[in-house]
């Protein structure tokens, strides 16, 4: 199994935590993960708020390609409606050249109304903007030329310099929760990226739909879905459960706040039907119900408990890539580092030793 570490860059849940401290601690954990055998360092793109603030994850990864020369680097994700596709293609080409083919390019369309507002953009356009920009970028990294004649991006045919040096086959990822996003990811031939925010039984139909669409569009087996989650790992089960309830709970609270899941706006925003369903569930169950669902989906506890949970997940949905965050929701740095090291020592070697299974075998 391929296992990465997710970098969130959040100060929500910490008291008197400077932005500089957030970045210092995340990068310290990244260096540890690179030394301890993780396969990839991943980072979100978010702006302006305590929830998460890494406004340019390609720039971050350009730093980490030198700081951590023996690990892949991934964006989860570059939010395309907030960028010109030509610039994304150029930046990706530069980073992939510097890293000698270690970039995994993840793309998304964004979800937070507050971020779209700051960029003076309408969320109603996000689906169309993504569906125009993503193929332009993927094709540019394949052919060395970018062009487009769509509603939003009238791009004359332009050569990308430095020219892309390595094939991006198998290295394109796309955030996929809604039906439209799953379809877009399948068209791109991308790994679907999902987050551990609800029981995996609820995710299974969407995952299977994405696999079906990939076969329909490309005629072959789809790449593994990547599951991103927020982990608390320790040796004392009861103590770790209490930590998970506190820190994963605080992360869920920040998620509710940042995305305004208790609001009504998803009813009227074009292309966000899946999130309207999540918002309705959130309003009915409240924060307590959402935290319970989150803890059911995410990994926490002793290494043995975490491994058993991941085994059950794989039996349900088949093979997947894993992307694990250890710093979130006010988790003290000492707890983050403890969890990362223990996970690397006792969970990671087992996951890497797993032989691939197919989806049919997983269901039997």
Protein backbone atom coordinates (compact mmCIF):
# COMPACT_ATOMS: atom_id res chain seq x y z
CA UNK A 1 0.00 0.00 0.00
CA UNK A 2 1.11 3.53 -0.78
CA UNK A 3 0.99 5.72 2.36
CA UNK A 4 1.50 9.48 2.49
CA UNK A 5 1.34 12.18 5.14
CA UNK A 6 -1.11 15.07 4.82
CA UNK A 7 -0.06 18.58 5.83
CA UNK A 8 -3.03 20.70 6.92
CA UNK A 9 -1.44 23.95 8.18
CA UNK A 10 -4.19 24.86 10.64
CA UNK A 11 -4.22 26.89 13.84
CA UNK A 12 -7.88 26.23 14.68
CA UNK A 13 -7.98 24.67 18.13
CA UNK A 14 -4.68 26.11 19.34
CA UNK A 15 -4.48 29.10 21.68
CA UNK A 16 -1.98 31.84 20.86
CA UNK A 17 -0.47 29.85 18.01
CA UNK A 18 1.37 31.99 15.46
CA UNK A 19 1.27 31.27 11.75
CA UNK A 20 5.05 30.81 11.82
CA UNK A 21 4.74 28.12 14.49
CA UNK A 22 2.11 26.28 12.44
CA UNK A 23 4.41 26.17 9.43
CA UNK A 24 7.46 25.23 11.48
CA UNK A 25 5.69 22.28 13.11
CA UNK A 26 4.18 20.99 9.87
CA UNK A 27 7.56 21.05 8.14
CA UNK A 28 9.21 19.32 11.12
CA UNK A 29 6.64 16.54 10.78
CA UNK A 30 7.21 16.41 7.02
CA UNK A 31 10.94 15.86 7.50
CA UNK A 32 10.18 13.10 10.00
CA UNK A 33 7.72 11.41 7.65
CA UNK A 34 10.25 11.50 4.83
CA UNK A 35 12.88 9.88 7.06
CA UNK A 36 10.47 7.26 8.47
CA UNK A 37 9.44 5.68 5.17
CA UNK A 38 6.26 7.41 4.05
CA UNK A 39 5.77 7.50 0.29
CA UNK A 40 4.51 11.03 -0.29
CA UNK A 41 4.04 14.41 1.39
CA UNK A 42 0.66 15.98 0.57
CA UNK A 43 -0.79 19.40 1.23
CA UNK A 44 -4.16 21.05 0.82
CA UNK A 45 -4.70 24.52 -0.64
CA UNK A 46 -6.61 26.87 1.64
CA UNK A 47 -6.61 30.60 2.24
CA UNK A 48 -7.18 33.34 4.79
CA UNK A 49 -8.42 31.41 7.85
CA UNK A 50 -7.38 29.32 10.87
CA UNK A 51 -9.00 26.24 9.28
CA UNK A 52 -5.99 25.87 6.97
CA UNK A 53 -3.63 28.33 5.33
CA UNK A 54 -1.28 27.11 2.63
CA UNK A 55 -2.16 29.44 -0.25
CA UNK A 56 0.29 27.90 -2.72
CA UNK A 57 0.95 24.20 -2.24
CA UNK A 58 3.04 23.96 -5.42
CA UNK A 59 5.37 26.59 -3.96
CA UNK A 60 5.51 24.65 -0.68
CA UNK A 61 6.38 21.45 -2.52
CA UNK A 62 9.13 23.22 -4.44
CA UNK A 63 10.76 23.85 -1.06
CA UNK A 64 10.17 20.31 0.16
CA UNK A 65 11.60 18.75 -3.01
CA UNK A 66 15.00 19.99 -1.83
CA UNK A 67 14.42 19.57 1.92
CA UNK A 68 13.14 15.98 1.49
CA UNK A 69 14.82 14.55 -1.63
CA UNK A 70 13.70 10.92 -1.20
CA UNK A 71 9.92 11.21 -1.06
CA UNK A 72 7.16 12.08 -3.52
CA UNK A 73 5.32 15.40 -3.28
CA UNK A 74 1.58 15.83 -3.79
CA UNK A 75 -1.08 18.52 -3.96
CA UNK A 76 -4.42 17.59 -2.42
CA UNK A 77 -5.37 19.73 -4.10
CA UNK A 78 -4.70 22.74 -6.34
CA UNK A 79 -8.11 24.46 -6.51
CA UNK A 80 -8.43 25.19 -10.21
CA UNK A 81 -11.14 27.89 -10.21
CA UNK A 82 -8.74 30.10 -8.24
CA UNK A 83 -5.90 29.77 -10.78
CA UNK A 84 -5.14 30.31 -14.43
CA UNK A 85 -4.62 26.85 -16.00
CA UNK A 86 -1.57 28.05 -17.94
CA UNK A 87 0.16 29.04 -14.70
CA UNK A 88 -0.74 25.75 -13.01
CA UNK A 89 0.73 23.80 -15.95
CA UNK A 90 3.92 25.88 -15.85
CA UNK A 91 4.32 25.56 -12.08
CA UNK A 92 3.73 21.81 -12.22
CA UNK A 93 6.26 21.41 -15.01
CA UNK A 94 8.89 23.34 -13.03
CA UNK A 95 8.28 21.38 -9.82
CA UNK A 96 8.33 18.05 -11.63
CA UNK A 97 11.59 18.99 -13.30
CA UNK A 98 13.19 20.02 -9.99
CA UNK A 99 11.92 16.89 -8.23
CA UNK A 100 12.90 14.56 -11.10
CA UNK A 101 9.38 13.24 -11.59
CA UNK A 102 8.24 13.07 -7.96
CA UNK A 103 5.17 15.34 -8.25
CA UNK A 104 1.69 13.88 -7.83
CA UNK A 105 -0.66 16.55 -9.13
CA UNK A 106 -3.99 16.64 -7.31
CA UNK A 107 -6.75 18.95 -8.54
CA UNK A 108 -10.00 20.17 -6.98
CA UNK A 109 -12.75 22.73 -7.47
CA UNK A 110 -13.17 24.18 -3.95
CA UNK A 111 -15.99 24.20 -1.44
CA UNK A 112 -15.73 27.17 0.93
CA UNK A 113 -17.97 30.10 0.06
CA UNK A 114 -15.70 32.48 2.03
CA UNK A 115 -12.69 31.61 -0.14
CA UNK A 116 -14.58 32.06 -3.42
CA UNK A 117 -15.86 35.42 -2.17
CA UNK A 118 -12.35 36.66 -1.38
CA UNK A 119 -11.24 35.71 -4.89
CA UNK A 120 -14.30 37.53 -6.30
CA UNK A 121 -15.56 34.35 -7.94
CA UNK A 122 -18.90 32.58 -7.99
CA UNK A 123 -19.18 29.03 -6.65
CA UNK A 124 -21.83 28.48 -9.35
CA UNK A 125 -19.02 28.48 -11.92
CA UNK A 126 -16.70 26.08 -10.10
CA UNK A 127 -17.79 22.89 -11.85
CA UNK A 128 -17.51 24.39 -15.34
CA UNK A 129 -14.20 26.07 -14.57
CA UNK A 130 -12.74 22.82 -13.25
CA UNK A 131 -14.00 20.80 -16.20
CA UNK A 132 -12.43 23.25 -18.63
CA UNK A 133 -9.14 23.77 -16.82
CA UNK A 134 -8.28 20.24 -15.67
CA UNK A 135 -8.08 18.61 -19.15
CA UNK A 136 -6.11 21.61 -20.43
CA UNK A 137 -3.51 21.12 -17.69
CA UNK A 138 -3.31 17.34 -17.98
CA UNK A 139 -2.96 17.55 -21.77
CA UNK A 140 -0.33 20.27 -21.46
CA UNK A 141 1.78 18.10 -19.17
CA UNK A 142 1.42 15.25 -21.67
CA UNK A 143 2.04 17.12 -24.92
CA UNK A 144 4.06 20.16 -23.84
CA UNK A 145 1.43 22.54 -25.23
CA UNK A 146 -1.63 24.14 -23.63
CA UNK A 147 -4.66 25.45 -25.46
CA UNK A 148 -8.35 25.97 -24.85
CA UNK A 149 -11.43 27.55 -26.40
CA UNK A 150 -14.02 27.25 -23.65
CA UNK A 151 -16.39 29.55 -21.84
CA UNK A 152 -13.83 30.66 -19.27
CA UNK A 153 -10.39 29.96 -20.75
CA UNK A 154 -9.68 31.06 -24.31
CA UNK A 155 -6.06 29.98 -24.33
CA UNK A 156 -4.02 30.26 -27.56
CA UNK A 157 -1.82 27.25 -28.21
CA UNK A 158 1.29 27.90 -26.13
CA UNK A 159 4.36 25.79 -25.42
CA UNK A 160 5.17 24.98 -21.81
CA UNK A 161 8.79 25.78 -20.92
CA UNK A 162 10.61 24.10 -19.33
CA UNK A 163 9.11 21.27 -21.31
CA UNK A 164 7.57 18.46 -19.22
CA UNK A 165 10.27 15.83 -18.74
CA UNK A 166 8.36 12.86 -17.24
CA UNK A 167 5.06 11.14 -17.96
CA UNK A 168 2.26 12.02 -15.55
CA UNK A 169 0.49 8.71 -16.17
CA UNK A 170 -0.72 7.48 -12.79
CA UNK A 171 0.23 10.77 -11.13
CA UNK A 172 -2.99 12.77 -11.58
CA UNK A 173 -5.43 12.96 -8.65
CA UNK A 174 -8.81 14.68 -8.31
CA UNK A 175 -10.96 15.37 -5.25
CA UNK A 176 -14.23 13.50 -5.76
CA UNK A 177 -17.22 13.52 -3.41
CA UNK A 178 -20.17 14.66 -5.51
CA UNK A 179 -21.46 12.71 -8.52
CA UNK A 180 -20.20 15.44 -10.86
CA UNK A 181 -16.72 15.36 -9.33
CA UNK A 182 -16.55 11.57 -9.54
CA UNK A 183 -17.45 11.80 -13.22
CA UNK A 184 -14.82 14.49 -13.81
CA UNK A 185 -12.14 12.43 -12.06
CA UNK A 186 -13.04 9.40 -14.16
CA UNK A 187 -12.80 11.39 -17.39
CA UNK A 188 -9.33 12.57 -16.40
CA UNK A 189 -8.27 9.01 -15.55
CA UNK A 190 -7.32 10.36 -12.12
CA UNK A 191 -7.09 8.77 -8.72
CA UNK A 192 -10.21 9.80 -6.80
CA UNK A 193 -9.38 11.61 -3.55
CA UNK A 194 -11.84 11.26 -0.66
CA UNK A 195 -11.79 12.30 2.98
CA UNK A 196 -12.66 10.25 6.06
CA UNK A 197 -15.68 12.23 7.19
CA UNK A 198 -18.45 9.60 7.21
CA UNK A 199 -18.75 5.79 7.50
CA UNK A 200 -17.18 4.04 4.53
CA UNK A 201 -20.38 2.10 3.79
CA UNK A 202 -21.83 5.45 2.75
CA UNK A 203 -18.89 6.09 0.45
CA UNK A 204 -18.87 2.68 -1.24
CA UNK A 205 -21.56 3.39 -3.90
CA UNK A 206 -19.73 6.54 -5.01
CA UNK A 207 -16.39 4.73 -5.15
CA UNK A 208 -17.90 1.91 -7.21
CA UNK A 209 -19.54 4.46 -9.53
CA UNK A 210 -16.16 6.12 -10.10
CA UNK A 211 -14.54 2.80 -10.96
CA UNK A 212 -17.35 1.98 -13.36
CA UNK A 213 -17.04 5.35 -15.10
CA UNK A 214 -13.28 4.97 -15.44
CA UNK A 215 -13.73 1.60 -17.18
CA UNK A 216 -16.38 3.16 -19.41
CA UNK A 217 -14.15 6.08 -20.44
CA UNK A 218 -10.77 4.34 -20.62
CA UNK A 219 -11.43 0.63 -21.01
CA UNK A 220 -9.07 -0.42 -18.24
CA UNK A 221 -8.94 -0.81 -14.49
CA UNK A 222 -9.03 2.45 -12.50
CA UNK A 223 -6.19 3.66 -10.29
CA UNK A 224 -6.60 3.27 -6.52
CA UNK A 225 -8.74 5.77 -4.71
CA UNK A 226 -6.79 7.84 -2.18
CA UNK A 227 -8.35 8.18 1.27
CA UNK A 228 -7.24 11.13 3.37
CA UNK A 229 -7.81 11.01 7.10
CA UNK A 230 -6.89 12.48 10.46
CA UNK A 231 -5.19 10.08 12.87
CA UNK A 232 -4.44 9.94 16.59
CA UNK A 233 -2.15 7.02 17.43
CA UNK A 234 -0.93 5.93 20.86
CA UNK A 235 -0.25 2.93 23.08
CA UNK A 236 -3.11 3.46 25.56
CA UNK A 237 -6.48 2.78 23.92
CA UNK A 238 -8.64 4.63 26.44
CA UNK A 239 -6.37 7.67 26.52
CA UNK A 240 -6.11 7.75 22.74
CA UNK A 241 -9.89 7.54 22.37
CA UNK A 242 -10.20 10.59 24.59
CA UNK A 243 -7.59 12.42 22.53
CA UNK A 244 -9.35 11.48 19.30
CA UNK A 245 -12.68 12.69 20.65
CA UNK A 246 -11.09 16.00 21.55
CA UNK A 247 -8.86 16.67 18.55
CA UNK A 248 -10.86 14.99 15.79
CA UNK A 249 -13.90 16.67 17.33
CA UNK A 250 -12.22 20.06 17.15
CA UNK A 251 -11.31 19.38 13.52
CA UNK A 252 -14.96 18.56 12.72
CA UNK A 253 -15.96 21.80 14.43
CA UNK A 254 -13.50 23.73 12.27
CA UNK A 255 -14.82 21.94 9.20
CA UNK A 256 -18.39 22.93 10.07
CA UNK A 257 -17.32 26.53 10.55
CA UNK A 258 -15.13 26.90 7.47
CA UNK A 259 -17.56 25.31 5.03
CA UNK A 260 -20.71 26.62 6.76
CA UNK A 261 -22.34 23.19 6.80
CA UNK A 262 -25.05 24.39 9.16
CA UNK A 263 -26.07 27.07 6.67
CA UNK A 264 -28.58 26.86 3.83
CA UNK A 265 -26.50 28.08 0.91
CA UNK A 266 -25.71 24.65 -0.57
CA UNK A 267 -29.38 24.43 -1.59
CA UNK A 268 -28.90 27.21 -4.11
CA UNK A 269 -25.28 26.78 -5.25
CA UNK A 270 -24.98 25.02 -8.59
CA UNK A 271 -23.31 21.59 -8.56
CA UNK A 272 -23.04 21.01 -4.80
CA UNK A 273 -25.91 18.57 -4.28
CA UNK A 274 -23.74 16.06 -2.39
CA UNK A 275 -22.73 18.74 0.09
CA UNK A 276 -26.34 19.80 0.57
CA UNK A 277 -27.00 16.22 1.68
CA UNK A 278 -24.05 16.44 4.10
CA UNK A 279 -25.34 19.78 5.38
CA UNK A 280 -28.77 18.29 6.05
CA UNK A 281 -27.20 15.38 7.94
CA UNK A 282 -25.13 17.87 9.93
CA UNK A 283 -28.18 19.91 10.88
CA UNK A 284 -30.07 16.81 11.98
CA UNK A 285 -27.28 15.16 13.96
CA UNK A 286 -25.50 18.30 15.09
CA UNK A 287 -21.84 18.50 15.95
CA UNK A 288 -21.98 15.53 18.33
CA UNK A 289 -23.45 13.25 15.66
CA UNK A 290 -20.92 14.46 13.09
CA UNK A 291 -18.01 13.76 15.44
CA UNK A 292 -19.35 10.25 16.11
CA UNK A 293 -19.58 9.56 12.37
CA UNK A 294 -16.12 11.00 11.82
CA UNK A 295 -14.59 8.82 14.53
CA UNK A 296 -16.27 5.79 13.01
CA UNK A 297 -14.59 6.50 9.66
CA UNK A 298 -11.17 7.76 10.75
CA UNK A 299 -8.23 5.96 12.35
CA UNK A 300 -7.47 6.36 16.03
CA UNK A 301 -6.23 4.24 18.92
CA UNK A 302 -3.42 1.73 19.25
CA UNK A 303 -1.53 0.51 16.19
CA UNK A 304 -3.40 -2.80 16.41
CA UNK A 305 -6.81 -1.10 16.44
CA UNK A 306 -5.82 1.14 13.52
CA UNK A 307 -4.61 -1.84 11.49
CA UNK A 308 -7.81 -3.80 12.14
CA UNK A 309 -9.86 -0.81 11.03
CA UNK A 310 -7.87 -0.42 7.83
CA UNK A 311 -8.18 -4.16 7.12
CA UNK A 312 -11.96 -3.92 7.43
CA UNK A 313 -12.00 -0.87 5.19
CA UNK A 314 -10.00 -2.69 2.51
CA UNK A 315 -12.36 -5.68 2.69
CA UNK A 316 -15.21 -3.28 2.01
CA UNK A 317 -13.84 -1.08 -0.76
CA UNK A 318 -10.76 -2.90 -2.10
CA UNK A 319 -7.25 -1.50 -2.40
CA UNK A 320 -6.65 2.17 -1.69
CA UNK A 321 -3.87 4.64 -1.11
CA UNK A 322 -3.74 6.23 2.33
CA UNK A 323 -2.95 9.84 3.24
CA UNK A 324 -2.70 10.51 6.97
CA UNK A 325 -2.68 13.82 8.86
CA UNK A 326 -1.33 13.85 12.41
CA UNK A 327 -1.52 17.59 13.15
CA UNK A 328 -5.04 19.09 13.33
CA UNK A 329 -7.71 20.28 15.74
CA UNK A 330 -5.29 21.59 18.35
CA UNK A 331 -3.36 18.32 18.73
CA UNK A 332 -0.22 19.22 20.75
CA UNK A 333 2.99 18.81 18.77
CA UNK A 334 4.20 16.12 21.17
CA UNK A 335 1.08 14.05 20.49
CA UNK A 336 1.48 14.59 16.73
CA UNK A 337 5.10 13.47 16.76
CA UNK A 338 4.33 10.50 19.03
CA UNK A 339 1.55 9.37 16.73
CA UNK A 340 3.62 9.80 13.58
CA UNK A 341 6.56 7.82 14.96
CA UNK A 342 4.42 5.03 16.39
CA UNK A 343 2.40 4.77 13.17
CA UNK A 344 5.64 4.61 11.16
CA UNK A 345 7.10 1.94 13.44
CA UNK A 346 4.13 -0.42 13.85
CA UNK A 347 1.48 0.38 11.22
CA UNK A 348 3.42 1.47 8.15
CA UNK A 349 5.51 -1.71 7.68
CA UNK A 350 2.38 -3.86 7.82
CA UNK A 351 0.55 -1.70 5.28
CA UNK A 352 3.50 -1.78 2.92
CA UNK A 353 3.61 -5.58 3.17
CA UNK A 354 -0.01 -6.02 2.07
CA UNK A 355 -0.36 -7.70 -1.29
CA UNK A 356 -2.80 -6.07 -3.73
CA UNK A 357 -6.32 -7.39 -3.90
CA UNK A 358 -8.96 -6.64 -6.46
CA UNK A 359 -12.40 -5.23 -5.79
CA UNK A 360 -14.15 -8.55 -6.47
CA UNK A 361 -11.94 -10.33 -3.93
CA UNK A 362 -12.58 -7.57 -1.39
CA UNK A 363 -16.34 -8.11 -1.65
CA UNK A 364 -16.14 -11.89 -1.13
